[in-house]
Amino acid sequence: MAIEMTEVKKNADWYYANLDSLLPKYNGKYIGISDCSVVGVFNTFSGGVDEMIGSGHRLGSFIVHQCVGLEEEKKRFFSRMPRMVFREVSKRVPYRQNSQE
């Protein structure tokens, strides 16, 4: 399963470009973004990922991001996010070893 990073980047770029209009409406909530629009609002990151996948969005076609201001986001340590994504995805996608036995 290949994850298309261009869609992730496109959605992330849209989020940051529209943050000023998103913040008053979704402040503190986790939002699911696909095709450059908000398609879901969630209380938790993992709940958002579960619901996005459950509603038919494939991995790599969406992002789930907590809607906070840039100053608040800067206070968070960014390396935390990839671990969260890996942890959540690894629950759903079985690890496949290349067995050459």
Protein backbone atom coordinates (compact mmCIF):
# COMPACT_ATOMS: atom_id res chain seq x y z
CA MET A 1 0.00 0.00 0.00
CA ALA A 2 1.65 3.19 -1.16
CA ILE A 3 0.69 6.45 0.46
CA GLU A 4 0.46 9.32 -2.01
CA MET A 5 2.29 12.14 -0.25
CA THR A 6 1.26 14.75 -2.82
CA GLU A 7 -2.35 14.55 -1.59
CA VAL A 8 -1.21 14.84 2.03
CA LYS A 9 0.92 17.88 1.16
CA LYS A 10 -1.90 19.45 -0.87
CA ASN A 11 -4.31 19.09 2.07
CA ALA A 12 -1.74 20.35 4.58
CA ASP A 13 -0.95 23.37 2.39
CA TRP A 14 -4.68 24.11 2.13
CA TYR A 15 -5.04 23.89 5.92
CA TYR A 16 -2.27 26.45 6.53
CA ALA A 17 -3.50 28.74 3.75
CA ASN A 18 -7.00 28.77 5.27
CA LEU A 19 -6.09 28.63 8.97
CA ASP A 20 -7.41 32.14 9.66
CA SER A 21 -10.90 31.15 8.56
CA LEU A 22 -10.77 27.64 10.06
CA LEU A 23 -9.61 28.68 13.53
CA PRO A 24 -12.76 30.55 14.69
CA LYS A 25 -14.99 27.63 13.72
CA TYR A 26 -12.85 24.61 14.72
CA ASN A 27 -10.51 25.93 17.42
CA GLY A 28 -9.06 23.01 19.37
CA LYS A 29 -10.93 20.32 17.44
CA TYR A 30 -9.35 17.77 15.14
CA ILE A 31 -10.48 18.23 11.56
CA GLY A 32 -10.36 15.77 8.70
CA ILE A 33 -9.36 17.35 5.42
CA SER A 34 -9.69 15.65 2.04
CA ASP A 35 -9.65 17.24 -1.41
CA CYS A 36 -8.91 20.62 0.19
CA SER A 37 -12.06 20.78 2.28
CA VAL A 38 -13.08 19.91 5.83
CA VAL A 39 -15.00 16.63 5.74
CA GLY A 40 -15.09 15.78 9.44
CA VAL A 41 -14.71 17.26 12.92
CA PHE A 42 -13.47 15.07 15.79
CA ASN A 43 -12.58 15.23 19.47
CA THR A 44 -9.44 13.07 19.16
CA PHE A 45 -6.79 12.35 16.55
CA SER A 46 -7.29 8.59 16.65
CA GLY A 47 -11.06 8.98 16.49
CA GLY A 48 -10.64 11.18 13.44
CA VAL A 49 -8.39 8.68 11.67
CA ASP A 50 -10.80 5.84 12.48
CA GLU A 51 -13.81 7.76 11.18
CA MET A 52 -12.04 8.96 8.04
CA ILE A 53 -11.00 5.42 7.14
CA GLY A 54 -14.42 4.09 8.14
CA SER A 55 -16.13 6.54 5.82
CA GLY A 56 -14.13 5.28 2.85
CA HIS A 57 -11.17 7.66 2.69
CA ARG A 58 -7.98 5.81 1.88
CA LEU A 59 -4.74 6.40 3.76
CA GLY A 60 -2.79 9.16 2.08
CA SER A 61 -5.87 10.90 0.69
CA PHE A 62 -6.59 12.91 3.84
CA ILE A 63 -5.09 14.50 6.92
CA VAL A 64 -6.40 14.78 10.46
CA HIS A 65 -5.01 17.86 12.14
CA GLN A 66 -5.80 19.69 15.36
CA CYS A 67 -6.97 23.16 14.48
CA VAL A 68 -4.86 25.49 16.62
CA GLY A 69 -3.08 28.75 15.97
CA LEU A 70 0.48 28.77 14.69
CA GLU A 71 1.86 29.96 18.03
CA GLU A 72 0.21 27.05 19.83
CA GLU A 73 1.43 24.65 17.16
CA LYS A 74 5.00 25.89 17.54
CA LYS A 75 4.87 24.99 21.23
CA ARG A 76 4.27 21.35 20.35
CA PHE A 77 7.15 19.14 19.41
CA PHE A 78 6.63 18.20 15.77
CA SER A 79 8.35 14.83 15.94
CA ARG A 80 5.40 13.68 18.05
CA MET A 81 3.06 13.65 15.05
CA PRO A 82 4.85 11.00 12.94
CA ARG A 83 4.90 8.63 15.93
CA MET A 84 1.17 9.17 16.40
CA VAL A 85 0.49 8.54 12.74
CA PHE A 86 2.64 5.39 12.75
CA ARG A 87 1.03 4.10 15.94
CA GLU A 88 -2.49 4.65 14.61
CA VAL A 89 -1.78 3.28 11.14
CA SER A 90 0.09 0.26 12.48
CA LYS A 91 -3.05 -0.80 14.36
CA ARG A 92 -4.91 -1.08 11.06
CA VAL A 93 -2.31 -2.22 8.58
CA PRO A 94 -0.71 -5.58 9.37
CA TYR A 95 3.04 -5.61 9.18
CA ARG A 96 4.24 -7.76 6.30
CA GLN A 97 7.65 -9.26 6.38
CA ASN A 98 9.34 -10.24 3.19
CA SER A 99 9.79 -13.88 3.98
CA GLN A 100 12.31 -15.51 1.74
CA GLU A 101 12.06 -18.83 3.56
